[in-house]
N, C-alpha and C. Protein backbone atom coordinates (compact mmCIF):
# COMPACT_ATOMS: atom_id res chain seq x y z
N MET A 1 143.30 82.55 1.43
CA MET A 1 144.47 82.37 0.60
C MET A 1 145.69 82.65 1.48
N LEU A 2 146.75 81.87 1.26
CA LEU A 2 148.00 82.08 1.98
C LEU A 2 148.92 82.91 1.08
N ARG A 3 149.39 84.05 1.64
CA ARG A 3 150.26 84.92 0.86
C ARG A 3 151.12 85.74 1.82
N ASP A 4 152.40 85.80 1.53
CA ASP A 4 153.35 86.62 2.30
C ASP A 4 153.30 86.31 3.80
N GLY A 5 153.21 85.01 4.15
CA GLY A 5 153.23 84.62 5.56
C GLY A 5 151.96 84.93 6.31
N ALA A 6 150.85 85.13 5.56
CA ALA A 6 149.58 85.46 6.22
C ALA A 6 148.44 84.72 5.53
N ALA A 7 147.37 84.47 6.28
CA ALA A 7 146.12 83.95 5.72
C ALA A 7 145.25 85.16 5.44
N THR A 8 144.89 85.32 4.16
CA THR A 8 144.15 86.51 3.73
C THR A 8 142.77 86.10 3.25
N ALA A 9 141.73 86.76 3.76
CA ALA A 9 140.36 86.49 3.37
C ALA A 9 139.96 87.42 2.24
N ASP A 10 138.85 87.06 1.57
CA ASP A 10 138.31 87.97 0.56
C ASP A 10 138.04 89.31 1.23
N GLY A 11 138.37 90.38 0.61
CA GLY A 11 138.20 91.69 1.20
C GLY A 11 139.50 92.23 1.79
N GLY A 12 140.53 91.39 1.84
CA GLY A 12 141.83 91.86 2.27
C GLY A 12 142.20 91.68 3.73
N ARG A 13 141.26 91.25 4.55
CA ARG A 13 141.59 91.04 5.96
C ARG A 13 142.59 89.90 6.10
N ALA A 14 143.67 90.09 6.89
CA ALA A 14 144.73 89.10 6.97
C ALA A 14 145.16 88.86 8.42
N VAL A 15 145.62 87.63 8.66
CA VAL A 15 146.18 87.26 9.96
C VAL A 15 147.49 86.55 9.66
N SER A 16 148.55 86.94 10.37
CA SER A 16 149.84 86.30 10.11
C SER A 16 149.81 84.86 10.61
N LEU A 17 150.56 83.99 9.92
CA LEU A 17 150.59 82.58 10.29
C LEU A 17 151.21 82.39 11.67
N THR A 18 152.12 83.25 12.07
CA THR A 18 152.69 83.13 13.42
C THR A 18 151.65 83.43 14.48
N ASP A 19 150.71 84.34 14.21
CA ASP A 19 149.64 84.61 15.17
C ASP A 19 148.65 83.45 15.25
N ILE A 20 148.40 82.78 14.12
CA ILE A 20 147.47 81.65 14.12
C ILE A 20 148.04 80.51 14.95
N GLY A 21 149.33 80.27 14.85
CA GLY A 21 149.95 79.15 15.54
C GLY A 21 150.42 79.45 16.95
N ALA A 22 150.26 80.66 17.41
CA ALA A 22 150.76 81.03 18.74
C ALA A 22 149.97 80.31 19.84
N VAL A 23 150.66 79.85 20.86
CA VAL A 23 150.02 79.19 21.99
C VAL A 23 149.38 80.26 22.87
N ARG A 24 148.11 80.10 23.14
CA ARG A 24 147.38 81.09 23.94
C ARG A 24 147.16 80.64 25.38
N GLY A 25 147.35 79.35 25.65
CA GLY A 25 147.13 78.83 26.98
C GLY A 25 147.49 77.36 27.03
N ARG A 26 147.39 76.80 28.18
CA ARG A 26 147.74 75.40 28.35
C ARG A 26 146.80 74.79 29.38
N PHE A 27 146.39 73.56 29.12
CA PHE A 27 145.52 72.85 30.05
C PHE A 27 146.26 71.60 30.52
N GLU A 28 146.38 71.45 31.82
CA GLU A 28 146.99 70.27 32.41
C GLU A 28 146.09 69.78 33.54
N LYS A 29 146.13 68.48 33.76
CA LYS A 29 145.38 67.91 34.87
C LYS A 29 146.17 66.76 35.46
N ALA A 30 145.95 66.51 36.72
CA ALA A 30 146.74 65.52 37.44
C ALA A 30 146.29 64.08 37.18
N GLN A 31 145.01 63.85 36.93
CA GLN A 31 144.51 62.49 36.74
C GLN A 31 143.88 62.36 35.36
N MET A 32 143.74 61.11 34.93
CA MET A 32 143.12 60.89 33.63
C MET A 32 141.60 60.92 33.74
N THR A 33 140.96 61.13 32.62
CA THR A 33 139.51 61.10 32.54
C THR A 33 139.12 59.78 31.88
N ALA A 34 138.21 59.05 32.48
CA ALA A 34 137.82 57.75 31.95
C ALA A 34 136.39 57.80 31.43
N SER A 35 136.17 57.08 30.37
CA SER A 35 134.82 56.93 29.83
C SER A 35 134.44 55.46 29.97
N PHE A 36 133.22 55.13 29.58
CA PHE A 36 132.77 53.74 29.69
C PHE A 36 131.79 53.46 28.56
N GLY A 37 131.56 52.18 28.34
CA GLY A 37 130.62 51.80 27.31
C GLY A 37 130.47 50.30 27.27
N GLY A 38 129.74 49.83 26.30
CA GLY A 38 129.54 48.40 26.15
C GLY A 38 129.04 48.08 24.76
N ALA A 39 129.15 46.80 24.39
CA ALA A 39 128.70 46.34 23.08
C ALA A 39 128.00 45.00 23.24
N VAL A 40 126.98 44.78 22.45
CA VAL A 40 126.26 43.51 22.42
C VAL A 40 125.99 43.15 20.96
N CYS A 41 125.89 41.85 20.72
CA CYS A 41 125.54 41.44 19.36
C CYS A 41 124.82 40.10 19.35
N ARG A 42 124.19 39.84 18.22
CA ARG A 42 123.53 38.56 17.97
C ARG A 42 124.17 37.98 16.71
N VAL A 43 124.52 36.70 16.76
CA VAL A 43 125.17 36.06 15.61
C VAL A 43 124.38 34.83 15.18
N ALA A 44 124.62 34.42 13.95
CA ALA A 44 124.13 33.14 13.44
C ALA A 44 125.36 32.34 13.03
N VAL A 45 125.40 31.08 13.44
CA VAL A 45 126.53 30.20 13.14
C VAL A 45 126.07 29.11 12.19
N ASN A 46 126.81 28.91 11.13
CA ASN A 46 126.53 27.84 10.18
C ASN A 46 127.31 26.61 10.61
N PRO A 47 126.65 25.57 11.11
CA PRO A 47 127.38 24.41 11.62
C PRO A 47 128.12 23.62 10.53
N ALA A 48 127.73 23.79 9.28
CA ALA A 48 128.38 23.04 8.20
C ALA A 48 129.81 23.51 7.95
N ASP A 49 130.04 24.82 8.05
CA ASP A 49 131.38 25.33 7.74
C ASP A 49 131.96 26.24 8.81
N GLY A 50 131.24 26.48 9.90
CA GLY A 50 131.74 27.33 10.97
C GLY A 50 131.62 28.81 10.69
N GLY A 51 130.98 29.16 9.61
CA GLY A 51 130.81 30.58 9.27
C GLY A 51 129.93 31.29 10.27
N VAL A 52 130.29 32.52 10.58
CA VAL A 52 129.53 33.33 11.54
C VAL A 52 129.05 34.59 10.82
N ARG A 53 127.78 34.91 11.01
CA ARG A 53 127.23 36.16 10.49
C ARG A 53 126.71 36.97 11.67
N VAL A 54 127.17 38.21 11.78
CA VAL A 54 126.67 39.09 12.83
C VAL A 54 125.35 39.67 12.34
N GLU A 55 124.26 39.31 13.02
CA GLU A 55 122.93 39.75 12.60
C GLU A 55 122.57 41.12 13.16
N ARG A 56 123.05 41.39 14.35
CA ARG A 56 122.74 42.69 14.98
C ARG A 56 123.89 43.05 15.90
N PHE A 57 124.26 44.33 15.88
CA PHE A 57 125.36 44.80 16.73
C PHE A 57 124.98 46.18 17.25
N ALA A 58 125.08 46.36 18.55
CA ALA A 58 124.75 47.65 19.16
C ALA A 58 125.83 48.00 20.17
N LEU A 59 126.12 49.28 20.26
CA LEU A 59 127.07 49.73 21.26
C LEU A 59 126.61 51.06 21.84
N ALA A 60 127.03 51.28 23.06
CA ALA A 60 126.76 52.55 23.74
C ALA A 60 128.08 53.00 24.35
N HIS A 61 128.34 54.30 24.28
CA HIS A 61 129.60 54.80 24.82
C HIS A 61 129.42 56.21 25.39
N ASP A 62 130.00 56.41 26.56
CA ASP A 62 129.98 57.71 27.22
C ASP A 62 131.14 58.55 26.71
N VAL A 63 130.85 59.72 26.20
CA VAL A 63 131.89 60.61 25.67
C VAL A 63 131.99 61.92 26.44
N GLY A 64 131.28 62.01 27.56
CA GLY A 64 131.28 63.27 28.29
C GLY A 64 130.33 64.24 27.63
N ARG A 65 130.80 64.87 26.55
CA ARG A 65 129.97 65.75 25.73
C ARG A 65 130.32 65.49 24.28
N ALA A 66 129.32 65.20 23.48
CA ALA A 66 129.53 64.94 22.06
C ALA A 66 129.61 66.27 21.32
N VAL A 67 130.79 66.65 20.93
CA VAL A 67 130.98 67.92 20.22
C VAL A 67 130.38 67.83 18.82
N ASN A 68 130.59 66.70 18.14
CA ASN A 68 130.03 66.50 16.80
C ASN A 68 129.41 65.09 16.78
N PRO A 69 128.16 64.96 17.20
CA PRO A 69 127.53 63.64 17.33
C PRO A 69 127.52 62.82 16.03
N ARG A 70 127.31 63.46 14.91
CA ARG A 70 127.25 62.72 13.65
C ARG A 70 128.61 62.11 13.30
N LEU A 71 129.66 62.89 13.45
CA LEU A 71 131.01 62.39 13.20
C LEU A 71 131.35 61.28 14.19
N LEU A 72 131.03 61.49 15.45
CA LEU A 72 131.31 60.51 16.48
C LEU A 72 130.57 59.19 16.23
N THR A 73 129.34 59.27 15.79
CA THR A 73 128.58 58.06 15.45
C THR A 73 129.30 57.28 14.36
N GLY A 74 129.78 57.96 13.34
CA GLY A 74 130.53 57.30 12.27
C GLY A 74 131.83 56.69 12.76
N GLN A 75 132.53 57.41 13.65
CA GLN A 75 133.77 56.87 14.20
C GLN A 75 133.51 55.62 15.03
N LEU A 76 132.48 55.65 15.85
CA LEU A 76 132.16 54.49 16.69
C LEU A 76 131.72 53.30 15.84
N ALA A 77 130.90 53.54 14.81
CA ALA A 77 130.45 52.46 13.93
C ALA A 77 131.63 51.89 13.15
N GLY A 78 132.51 52.75 12.68
CA GLY A 78 133.69 52.28 11.94
C GLY A 78 134.63 51.48 12.82
N ALA A 79 134.81 51.91 14.05
CA ALA A 79 135.66 51.16 14.97
C ALA A 79 135.02 49.82 15.31
N ALA A 80 133.70 49.79 15.46
CA ALA A 80 133.01 48.52 15.70
C ALA A 80 133.19 47.58 14.51
N ALA A 81 133.12 48.11 13.29
CA ALA A 81 133.34 47.29 12.10
C ALA A 81 134.75 46.71 12.11
N GLN A 82 135.71 47.49 12.54
CA GLN A 82 137.08 47.01 12.64
C GLN A 82 137.16 45.87 13.67
N GLY A 83 136.49 46.03 14.79
CA GLY A 83 136.48 44.99 15.81
C GLY A 83 135.76 43.72 15.36
N ILE A 84 134.66 43.87 14.64
CA ILE A 84 133.94 42.71 14.11
C ILE A 84 134.84 41.97 13.13
N GLY A 85 135.51 42.71 12.27
CA GLY A 85 136.46 42.10 11.33
C GLY A 85 137.58 41.39 12.06
N GLY A 86 138.06 42.00 13.14
CA GLY A 86 139.11 41.38 13.94
C GLY A 86 138.68 40.06 14.53
N ALA A 87 137.43 39.98 14.93
CA ALA A 87 136.92 38.75 15.53
C ALA A 87 136.65 37.67 14.48
N LEU A 88 136.06 38.04 13.36
CA LEU A 88 135.61 37.05 12.39
C LEU A 88 136.63 36.68 11.32
N LEU A 89 137.48 37.63 10.94
CA LEU A 89 138.29 37.41 9.75
C LEU A 89 139.79 37.60 9.94
N GLU A 90 140.15 38.57 10.73
CA GLU A 90 141.55 39.00 10.77
C GLU A 90 142.32 38.24 11.85
N GLU A 91 143.42 37.68 11.44
CA GLU A 91 144.28 37.03 12.41
C GLU A 91 145.70 37.06 11.87
N ILE A 92 146.62 37.47 12.70
CA ILE A 92 148.02 37.46 12.31
C ILE A 92 148.63 36.18 12.86
N ALA A 93 149.03 35.30 11.97
CA ALA A 93 149.58 34.00 12.36
C ALA A 93 151.10 34.01 12.22
N TYR A 94 151.75 33.23 13.10
CA TYR A 94 153.21 33.11 13.10
C TYR A 94 153.59 31.64 13.08
N ASP A 95 154.76 31.34 12.52
CA ASP A 95 155.25 29.97 12.58
C ASP A 95 155.97 29.74 13.91
N SER A 96 156.49 28.55 14.10
CA SER A 96 157.12 28.20 15.39
C SER A 96 158.37 29.02 15.69
N ASN A 97 158.93 29.66 14.67
CA ASN A 97 160.12 30.52 14.86
C ASN A 97 159.75 31.99 15.03
N GLY A 98 158.47 32.29 15.06
CA GLY A 98 158.03 33.67 15.23
C GLY A 98 157.98 34.46 13.94
N GLN A 99 158.12 33.80 12.81
CA GLN A 99 158.04 34.49 11.52
C GLN A 99 156.57 34.63 11.12
N PRO A 100 156.20 35.82 10.64
CA PRO A 100 154.79 36.01 10.27
C PRO A 100 154.40 35.18 9.06
N LEU A 101 153.25 34.55 9.16
CA LEU A 101 152.66 33.81 8.05
C LEU A 101 151.62 34.66 7.33
N THR A 102 151.16 35.68 7.99
CA THR A 102 150.17 36.60 7.43
C THR A 102 150.94 37.79 6.87
N THR A 103 151.23 37.74 5.59
CA THR A 103 152.13 38.76 5.02
C THR A 103 151.50 39.62 3.94
N SER A 104 150.26 39.35 3.56
CA SER A 104 149.59 40.17 2.56
C SER A 104 148.08 40.12 2.80
N PHE A 105 147.35 40.91 2.05
CA PHE A 105 145.90 40.89 2.20
C PHE A 105 145.28 39.61 1.62
N ALA A 106 146.07 38.80 0.94
CA ALA A 106 145.59 37.48 0.54
C ALA A 106 145.48 36.57 1.76
N ASP A 107 146.32 36.84 2.78
CA ASP A 107 146.33 36.05 4.01
C ASP A 107 145.54 36.71 5.13
N TYR A 108 145.28 37.98 4.99
CA TYR A 108 144.66 38.77 6.05
C TYR A 108 143.40 39.41 5.48
N THR A 109 142.27 38.80 5.74
CA THR A 109 141.01 39.23 5.14
C THR A 109 140.37 40.36 5.94
N LEU A 110 139.95 41.39 5.26
CA LEU A 110 139.25 42.51 5.90
C LEU A 110 137.76 42.41 5.60
N PRO A 111 136.91 42.89 6.50
CA PRO A 111 135.47 42.81 6.23
C PRO A 111 135.06 43.84 5.19
N THR A 112 134.01 43.50 4.45
CA THR A 112 133.37 44.45 3.54
C THR A 112 131.97 44.72 4.08
N ALA A 113 131.25 45.57 3.41
CA ALA A 113 129.88 45.87 3.83
C ALA A 113 129.01 44.62 3.85
N ALA A 114 129.34 43.63 3.02
CA ALA A 114 128.56 42.40 2.97
C ALA A 114 128.65 41.60 4.27
N GLU A 115 129.76 41.71 4.98
CA GLU A 115 129.94 40.95 6.22
C GLU A 115 129.52 41.72 7.47
N LEU A 116 129.15 42.95 7.30
CA LEU A 116 128.89 43.80 8.47
C LEU A 116 127.41 44.16 8.60
N PRO A 117 126.92 44.17 9.82
CA PRO A 117 125.54 44.63 10.05
C PRO A 117 125.53 46.15 10.14
N ASN A 118 124.34 46.70 10.19
CA ASN A 118 124.21 48.12 10.52
C ASN A 118 124.52 48.24 12.01
N VAL A 119 125.54 49.00 12.36
CA VAL A 119 125.93 49.14 13.76
C VAL A 119 125.04 50.20 14.41
N GLU A 120 124.35 49.80 15.47
CA GLU A 120 123.48 50.72 16.20
C GLU A 120 124.32 51.40 17.28
N VAL A 121 124.40 52.72 17.21
CA VAL A 121 125.26 53.48 18.13
C VAL A 121 124.40 54.34 19.04
N THR A 122 124.67 54.26 20.33
CA THR A 122 124.06 55.15 21.32
C THR A 122 125.17 55.94 21.98
N ILE A 123 125.08 57.25 21.88
CA ILE A 123 126.07 58.12 22.51
C ILE A 123 125.52 58.55 23.87
N LEU A 124 126.29 58.27 24.91
CA LEU A 124 125.93 58.68 26.26
C LEU A 124 126.74 59.92 26.61
N GLU A 125 126.12 60.87 27.29
CA GLU A 125 126.82 62.10 27.64
C GLU A 125 126.73 62.35 29.14
N TYR A 126 127.67 61.76 29.86
CA TYR A 126 127.81 62.04 31.28
C TYR A 126 128.98 63.01 31.40
N GLY A 127 128.65 64.27 31.54
CA GLY A 127 129.64 65.34 31.51
C GLY A 127 130.85 65.11 32.39
N CYS A 128 131.91 65.76 32.02
CA CYS A 128 133.18 65.63 32.72
C CYS A 128 133.59 67.02 33.21
N SER A 129 133.80 67.15 34.50
CA SER A 129 134.18 68.45 35.05
C SER A 129 135.69 68.63 35.12
N ASP A 130 136.43 67.62 34.63
CA ASP A 130 137.89 67.67 34.72
C ASP A 130 138.56 68.44 33.59
N ASN A 131 137.81 68.86 32.57
CA ASN A 131 138.41 69.64 31.49
C ASN A 131 137.43 70.70 31.01
N PRO A 132 137.92 71.73 30.37
CA PRO A 132 137.05 72.86 30.01
C PRO A 132 135.90 72.53 29.07
N LEU A 133 136.05 71.52 28.22
CA LEU A 133 134.99 71.18 27.27
C LEU A 133 134.04 70.10 27.78
N GLY A 134 134.39 69.45 28.88
CA GLY A 134 133.55 68.39 29.42
C GLY A 134 133.57 67.13 28.59
N ILE A 135 134.63 66.91 27.82
CA ILE A 135 134.71 65.78 26.90
C ILE A 135 135.54 64.64 27.45
N LYS A 136 135.31 63.46 26.88
CA LYS A 136 136.10 62.25 27.15
C LYS A 136 136.41 61.63 25.79
N GLY A 137 137.27 60.62 25.77
CA GLY A 137 137.58 59.93 24.52
C GLY A 137 136.36 59.22 23.97
N GLY A 138 136.34 59.02 22.66
CA GLY A 138 135.18 58.37 22.11
C GLY A 138 135.35 57.67 20.79
N GLY A 139 136.08 58.22 19.86
CA GLY A 139 136.11 57.71 18.50
C GLY A 139 136.59 56.29 18.36
N GLU A 140 137.55 55.89 19.16
CA GLU A 140 138.11 54.55 19.06
C GLU A 140 137.37 53.53 19.90
N ALA A 141 136.44 53.95 20.70
CA ALA A 141 135.81 53.06 21.68
C ALA A 141 134.99 51.94 21.04
N GLY A 142 134.53 52.08 19.84
CA GLY A 142 133.73 51.04 19.22
C GLY A 142 134.45 49.71 19.08
N ILE A 143 135.77 49.76 18.95
CA ILE A 143 136.53 48.52 18.78
C ILE A 143 136.73 47.79 20.10
N VAL A 144 136.71 48.50 21.19
CA VAL A 144 137.06 47.92 22.50
C VAL A 144 136.16 46.74 22.86
N GLY A 145 134.88 46.89 22.74
CA GLY A 145 133.96 45.82 23.13
C GLY A 145 133.60 44.86 22.02
N ALA A 146 133.96 45.19 20.78
CA ALA A 146 133.51 44.38 19.65
C ALA A 146 134.07 42.96 19.67
N LEU A 147 135.35 42.81 19.93
CA LEU A 147 135.94 41.47 19.93
C LEU A 147 135.27 40.57 20.96
N GLY A 148 135.11 41.08 22.17
CA GLY A 148 134.48 40.29 23.22
C GLY A 148 133.02 40.02 22.94
N ALA A 149 132.31 41.02 22.42
CA ALA A 149 130.88 40.83 22.14
C ALA A 149 130.67 39.74 21.09
N VAL A 150 131.47 39.77 20.02
CA VAL A 150 131.32 38.76 18.97
C VAL A 150 131.74 37.39 19.48
N ALA A 151 132.89 37.30 20.13
CA ALA A 151 133.37 36.00 20.63
C ALA A 151 132.39 35.41 21.65
N ASN A 152 131.86 36.22 22.52
CA ASN A 152 130.90 35.71 23.51
C ASN A 152 129.57 35.32 22.88
N ALA A 153 129.15 36.06 21.84
CA ALA A 153 127.91 35.68 21.15
C ALA A 153 128.10 34.34 20.44
N VAL A 154 129.28 34.12 19.86
CA VAL A 154 129.56 32.82 19.22
C VAL A 154 129.58 31.72 20.27
N ALA A 155 130.25 31.96 21.38
CA ALA A 155 130.30 30.96 22.46
C ALA A 155 128.89 30.62 22.94
N ASP A 156 128.05 31.63 23.07
CA ASP A 156 126.67 31.41 23.50
C ASP A 156 125.91 30.59 22.46
N ALA A 157 126.13 30.91 21.17
CA ALA A 157 125.43 30.19 20.11
C ALA A 157 125.86 28.73 20.05
N LEU A 158 127.12 28.44 20.34
CA LEU A 158 127.62 27.06 20.27
C LEU A 158 127.24 26.24 21.49
N GLY A 159 126.98 26.91 22.60
CA GLY A 159 126.60 26.19 23.80
C GLY A 159 127.79 25.86 24.69
N PRO A 160 127.51 25.37 25.90
CA PRO A 160 128.56 25.17 26.89
C PRO A 160 129.55 24.07 26.54
N GLU A 161 129.18 23.15 25.66
CA GLU A 161 130.09 22.05 25.33
C GLU A 161 131.22 22.49 24.41
N ALA A 162 131.01 23.53 23.63
CA ALA A 162 132.04 24.02 22.70
C ALA A 162 132.87 25.08 23.40
N GLU A 163 134.16 24.91 23.33
CA GLU A 163 135.04 25.83 24.04
C GLU A 163 135.59 26.89 23.09
N ILE A 164 135.33 28.14 23.41
CA ILE A 164 135.88 29.28 22.68
C ILE A 164 136.84 29.96 23.64
N VAL A 165 138.12 29.94 23.33
CA VAL A 165 139.13 30.50 24.24
C VAL A 165 139.94 31.61 23.57
N ASN A 166 139.43 32.14 22.47
CA ASN A 166 140.16 33.15 21.72
C ASN A 166 139.16 34.15 21.19
N SER A 167 139.57 35.40 21.07
CA SER A 167 138.64 36.38 20.51
C SER A 167 138.55 36.23 19.00
N SER A 168 139.42 35.45 18.39
CA SER A 168 139.31 35.16 16.96
C SER A 168 138.34 34.00 16.80
N VAL A 169 137.22 34.27 16.16
CA VAL A 169 136.21 33.24 15.92
C VAL A 169 136.05 33.06 14.41
N SER A 170 137.18 32.81 13.78
CA SER A 170 137.18 32.57 12.34
C SER A 170 136.41 31.30 12.05
N PRO A 171 135.97 31.09 10.80
CA PRO A 171 135.24 29.86 10.48
C PRO A 171 136.01 28.60 10.86
N ALA A 172 137.32 28.59 10.66
CA ALA A 172 138.10 27.39 11.00
C ALA A 172 138.05 27.12 12.50
N ARG A 173 138.19 28.14 13.32
CA ARG A 173 138.14 27.94 14.78
C ARG A 173 136.76 27.50 15.24
N VAL A 174 135.72 28.10 14.66
CA VAL A 174 134.36 27.73 15.05
C VAL A 174 134.06 26.30 14.60
N TRP A 175 134.48 25.94 13.39
CA TRP A 175 134.27 24.58 12.91
C TRP A 175 134.97 23.57 13.81
N GLN A 176 136.21 23.90 14.22
CA GLN A 176 136.94 23.01 15.13
C GLN A 176 136.21 22.88 16.46
N ALA A 177 135.70 23.99 16.99
CA ALA A 177 134.97 23.93 18.26
C ALA A 177 133.71 23.09 18.11
N LEU A 178 133.00 23.23 17.00
CA LEU A 178 131.80 22.43 16.77
C LEU A 178 132.13 20.95 16.66
N ASN A 179 133.17 20.61 15.95
CA ASN A 179 133.53 19.21 15.76
C ASN A 179 134.12 18.61 17.02
N HIS A 180 134.83 19.37 17.80
CA HIS A 180 135.33 18.88 19.08
C HIS A 180 134.15 18.56 20.00
N ARG A 181 133.13 19.41 19.97
CA ARG A 181 131.94 19.19 20.79
C ARG A 181 131.24 17.90 20.38
N ARG A 182 131.16 17.65 19.06
CA ARG A 182 130.46 16.46 18.57
C ARG A 182 131.19 15.17 18.97
N ARG A 183 132.54 15.23 19.06
CA ARG A 183 133.32 14.04 19.39
C ARG A 183 133.42 13.80 20.89
N SER A 184 133.16 14.84 21.68
CA SER A 184 133.28 14.68 23.14
C SER A 184 132.15 13.81 23.68
N PRO A 185 132.45 12.98 24.69
CA PRO A 185 131.42 12.08 25.25
C PRO A 185 130.34 12.84 26.00
């Protein structure tokens, strides 16, 4: 309970809020710490409408040391879902004057559980000696490889004749790539 500028526990033991917030030390380092990872997926493409379904998605990411593996797994899977949505559904469009055409969620579709596979997460722990906890970044890493993994899986599914030059593989773009391939000599 907070009372009279202190956090008080049952039994009356109290610590002042100024003591809780006091800086006890500082950690600085000259260089950044880098992590690494990768993502792969398998997709199915419907040639009739250009729809893409991600059938399987897996990612692995080095976090140095996983302080809370369960939470980190959820963060990585959620970030991968965001990346999958970015590849398949989400696109911010502009007109020739630079005015946004994507102005509401009616224009900007987000994925639901129906569009997402179970994301398989592998946490790699290659310790880091550059900081006291041995940790590296991790929670946002699931999105980093998702766009490329999905776009490349779609490109692979369409074959070398269909050109995919954007990480957005919306049904309209995939349908256009399929139809361009059919018309090419």
